[in-house]
Amino acid sequence: MTYHVDRLYAAVSVLAGDGHIKQRLIKAYQENLDDIVEDDLPRNLKKAFCDLRSRLHCVAPLNGEGPVRASVRKMSVSEASECAVKVVDLYSKVIREAENLQDPLPLQHDAEKVPPFLVKSV
């Protein structure tokens, strides 16, 4: 799970950087998310990730460009922004999933009483 958190964090960091949204989306996806295997993701994230992958691989590449670059090239700026929002949503979902896997901390600590010999006498 940590692997996916790290990869999605890296993608979100690229999306938050400088440059045109289309270029940031291409870089974020190609460098951090393109090689993630859907079956390794938690069940509740698979569909959203598959939808994003399908959206970013829907156009046949031309002249040596990859499918991601070709797909983003055909998108409007608002469509590219929607894909970027989906990456951020995936990151937030994977963070919540990782938090649910951790052992919850007790809300109360049942501290034992201090033994009398450790109490300072007055």
C-alpha atoms as a PDB file:
ATOM      1  CA  MET A   1       0.000   0.000   0.000  1.00  0.00           C
ATOM      2  CA  THR A   2       2.866   2.387   0.775  1.00  0.00           C
ATOM      3  CA  TYR A   3       4.092   1.946  -2.795  1.00  0.00           C
ATOM      4  CA  HIS A   4       0.796   3.237  -4.205  1.00  0.00           C
ATOM      5  CA  VAL A   5       0.650   6.110  -1.730  1.00  0.00           C
ATOM      6  CA  ASP A   6       4.147   7.164  -2.767  1.00  0.00           C
ATOM      7  CA  ARG A   7       3.415   6.893  -6.492  1.00  0.00           C
ATOM      8  CA  LEU A   8       0.175   8.860  -6.262  1.00  0.00           C
ATOM      9  CA  TYR A   9       1.845  11.472  -4.052  1.00  0.00           C
ATOM     10  CA  ALA A  10       4.564  11.901  -6.670  1.00  0.00           C
ATOM     11  CA  ALA A  11       1.912  12.296  -9.391  1.00  0.00           C
ATOM     12  CA  VAL A  12       0.013  14.885  -7.355  1.00  0.00           C
ATOM     13  CA  SER A  13       3.262  16.761  -6.736  1.00  0.00           C
ATOM     14  CA  VAL A  14       3.875  16.973 -10.483  1.00  0.00           C
ATOM     15  CA  LEU A  15       0.310  18.155 -11.058  1.00  0.00           C
ATOM     16  CA  ALA A  16       0.790  20.909  -8.483  1.00  0.00           C
ATOM     17  CA  GLY A  17       3.968  22.149 -10.176  1.00  0.00           C
ATOM     18  CA  ASP A  18       4.625  24.676 -12.908  1.00  0.00           C
ATOM     19  CA  GLY A  19       3.587  24.400 -16.519  1.00  0.00           C
ATOM     20  CA  HIS A  20       0.549  23.830 -18.670  1.00  0.00           C
ATOM     21  CA  ILE A  21      -1.996  21.372 -17.237  1.00  0.00           C
ATOM     22  CA  LYS A  22      -1.680  19.050 -20.226  1.00  0.00           C
ATOM     23  CA  GLN A  23       2.093  18.789 -19.867  1.00  0.00           C
ATOM     24  CA  ARG A  24       1.822  18.260 -16.106  1.00  0.00           C
ATOM     25  CA  LEU A  25      -0.815  15.543 -16.599  1.00  0.00           C
ATOM     26  CA  ILE A  26       1.311  13.700 -19.153  1.00  0.00           C
ATOM     27  CA  LYS A  27       4.384  13.858 -16.934  1.00  0.00           C
ATOM     28  CA  ALA A  28       2.503  12.904 -13.750  1.00  0.00           C
ATOM     29  CA  TYR A  29       0.868   9.879 -15.352  1.00  0.00           C
ATOM     30  CA  GLN A  30       3.780   8.599 -17.438  1.00  0.00           C
ATOM     31  CA  GLU A  31       6.414   8.937 -14.728  1.00  0.00           C
ATOM     32  CA  ASN A  32       4.375   7.723 -11.766  1.00  0.00           C
ATOM     33  CA  LEU A  33       1.183   5.873 -12.646  1.00  0.00           C
ATOM     34  CA  ASP A  34       1.456   4.234 -16.058  1.00  0.00           C
ATOM     35  CA  ASP A  35       3.098   1.059 -14.777  1.00  0.00           C
ATOM     36  CA  ILE A  36       0.794   0.460 -11.791  1.00  0.00           C
ATOM     37  CA  VAL A  37      -1.035  -2.862 -12.061  1.00  0.00           C
ATOM     38  CA  GLU A  38      -4.752  -2.470 -11.325  1.00  0.00           C
ATOM     39  CA  ASP A  39      -4.931  -5.846  -9.576  1.00  0.00           C
ATOM     40  CA  ASP A  40      -2.456  -4.602  -6.955  1.00  0.00           C
ATOM     41  CA  LEU A  41      -4.812  -1.776  -5.938  1.00  0.00           C
ATOM     42  CA  PRO A  42      -7.510  -2.124  -3.279  1.00  0.00           C
ATOM     43  CA  ARG A  43     -10.850  -3.190  -4.733  1.00  0.00           C
ATOM     44  CA  ASN A  44     -12.526   0.186  -4.145  1.00  0.00           C
ATOM     45  CA  LEU A  45      -9.837   1.977  -6.221  1.00  0.00           C
ATOM     46  CA  LYS A  46      -9.638  -0.346  -9.213  1.00  0.00           C
ATOM     47  CA  LYS A  47     -12.556   1.065 -11.183  1.00  0.00           C
ATOM     48  CA  ALA A  48     -11.501   4.695 -10.765  1.00  0.00           C
ATOM     49  CA  PHE A  49      -7.932   3.842 -11.769  1.00  0.00           C
ATOM     50  CA  CYS A  50      -9.080   1.769 -14.760  1.00  0.00           C
ATOM     51  CA  ASP A  51     -11.329   4.633 -15.884  1.00  0.00           C
ATOM     52  CA  LEU A  52      -8.406   7.064 -15.669  1.00  0.00           C
ATOM     53  CA  ARG A  53      -6.131   4.659 -17.539  1.00  0.00           C
ATOM     54  CA  SER A  54      -8.745   4.159 -20.257  1.00  0.00           C
ATOM     55  CA  ARG A  55      -9.165   7.913 -20.632  1.00  0.00           C
ATOM     56  CA  LEU A  56      -5.416   8.410 -20.965  1.00  0.00           C
ATOM     57  CA  HIS A  57      -4.983   5.551 -23.472  1.00  0.00           C
ATOM     58  CA  CYS A  58      -7.994   6.178 -25.727  1.00  0.00           C
ATOM     59  CA  VAL A  59      -6.244   7.761 -28.736  1.00  0.00           C
ATOM     60  CA  ALA A  60      -3.923   5.920 -31.093  1.00  0.00           C
ATOM     61  CA  PRO A  61      -0.471   7.522 -31.074  1.00  0.00           C
ATOM     62  CA  LEU A  62       1.043   9.211 -34.132  1.00  0.00           C
ATOM     63  CA  ASN A  63       4.659   9.747 -35.179  1.00  0.00           C
ATOM     64  CA  GLY A  64       6.292   8.060 -32.210  1.00  0.00           C
ATOM     65  CA  GLU A  65       4.276   9.755 -29.480  1.00  0.00           C
ATOM     66  CA  GLY A  66       2.864   7.498 -26.786  1.00  0.00           C
ATOM     67  CA  PRO A  67      -0.822   6.820 -26.178  1.00  0.00           C
ATOM     68  CA  VAL A  68      -0.900   9.089 -23.118  1.00  0.00           C
ATOM     69  CA  ARG A  69       0.548  12.057 -24.987  1.00  0.00           C
ATOM     70  CA  ALA A  70      -1.804  11.434 -27.941  1.00  0.00           C
ATOM     71  CA  SER A  71      -4.858  11.172 -25.672  1.00  0.00           C
ATOM     72  CA  VAL A  72      -4.012  14.315 -23.712  1.00  0.00           C
ATOM     73  CA  ARG A  73      -3.232  16.196 -26.944  1.00  0.00           C
ATOM     74  CA  LYS A  74      -6.820  15.569 -28.087  1.00  0.00           C
ATOM     75  CA  MET A  75      -8.312  16.712 -24.747  1.00  0.00           C
ATOM     76  CA  SER A  76      -9.559  20.172 -23.999  1.00  0.00           C
ATOM     77  CA  VAL A  77      -7.983  22.012 -21.089  1.00  0.00           C
ATOM     78  CA  SER A  78     -11.051  21.297 -18.956  1.00  0.00           C
ATOM     79  CA  GLU A  79     -10.891  17.564 -19.803  1.00  0.00           C
ATOM     80  CA  ALA A  80      -7.222  17.495 -18.806  1.00  0.00           C
ATOM     81  CA  SER A  81      -8.131  19.274 -15.573  1.00  0.00           C
ATOM     82  CA  GLU A  82     -10.823  16.667 -14.880  1.00  0.00           C
ATOM     83  CA  CYS A  83      -8.228  13.906 -15.281  1.00  0.00           C
ATOM     84  CA  ALA A  84      -5.900  15.743 -12.909  1.00  0.00           C
ATOM     85  CA  VAL A  85      -8.716  15.943 -10.350  1.00  0.00           C
ATOM     86  CA  LYS A  86      -9.211  12.171 -10.724  1.00  0.00           C
ATOM     87  CA  VAL A  87      -5.537  11.635  -9.840  1.00  0.00           C
ATOM     88  CA  VAL A  88      -5.955  13.774  -6.721  1.00  0.00           C
ATOM     89  CA  ASP A  89      -9.134  11.857  -5.816  1.00  0.00           C
ATOM     90  CA  LEU A  90      -7.292   8.548  -6.197  1.00  0.00           C
ATOM     91  CA  TYR A  91      -4.550   9.857  -3.919  1.00  0.00           C
ATOM     92  CA  SER A  92      -7.051  10.856  -1.250  1.00  0.00           C
ATOM     93  CA  LYS A  93      -8.788   7.465  -1.480  1.00  0.00           C
ATOM     94  CA  VAL A  94      -5.547   5.507  -1.215  1.00  0.00           C
ATOM     95  CA  ILE A  95      -4.543   7.587   1.827  1.00  0.00           C
ATOM     96  CA  ARG A  96      -7.860   6.799   3.519  1.00  0.00           C
ATOM     97  CA  GLU A  97      -7.472   3.131   2.633  1.00  0.00           C
ATOM     98  CA  ALA A  98      -3.961   3.071   4.111  1.00  0.00           C
ATOM     99  CA  GLU A  99      -5.224   4.716   7.298  1.00  0.00           C
ATOM    100  CA  ASN A 100      -7.972   2.085   7.618  1.00  0.00           C
ATOM    101  CA  LEU A 101      -5.370  -0.679   7.458  1.00  0.00           C
ATOM    102  CA  GLN A 102      -3.445   0.665  10.427  1.00  0.00           C
ATOM    103  CA  ASP A 103      -4.264  -0.548  13.900  1.00  0.00           C
ATOM    104  CA  PRO A 104      -6.444   2.007  15.629  1.00  0.00           C
ATOM    105  CA  LEU A 105      -4.977   3.675  18.656  1.00  0.00           C
ATOM    106  CA  PRO A 106      -6.904   3.202  21.879  1.00  0.00           C
ATOM    107  CA  LEU A 107      -9.069   6.147  22.824  1.00  0.00           C
ATOM    108  CA  GLN A 108      -8.438   5.643  26.509  1.00  0.00           C
ATOM    109  CA  HIS A 109      -5.418   4.389  28.282  1.00  0.00           C
ATOM    110  CA  ASP A 110      -6.223   2.136  31.171  1.00  0.00           C
ATOM    111  CA  ALA A 111      -3.257   3.088  33.239  1.00  0.00           C
ATOM    112  CA  GLU A 112      -2.632   1.021  36.275  1.00  0.00           C
ATOM    113  CA  LYS A 113      -2.340   2.780  39.563  1.00  0.00           C
ATOM    114  CA  VAL A 114       1.119   3.651  40.669  1.00  0.00           C
ATOM    115  CA  PRO A 115       2.331   1.184  43.266  1.00  0.00           C
ATOM    116  CA  PRO A 116       2.474   2.725  46.746  1.00  0.00           C
ATOM    117  CA  PHE A 117       6.242   2.272  47.065  1.00  0.00           C
ATOM    118  CA  LEU A 118       6.722   4.563  44.006  1.00  0.00           C
ATOM    119  CA  VAL A 119       4.572   7.350  45.375  1.00  0.00           C
ATOM    120  CA  LYS A 120       6.592  10.098  47.001  1.00  0.00           C
ATOM    121  CA  SER A 121       5.681  10.427  50.644  1.00  0.00           C
ATOM    122  CA  VAL A 122       5.090  13.803  52.130  1.00  0.00           C
END
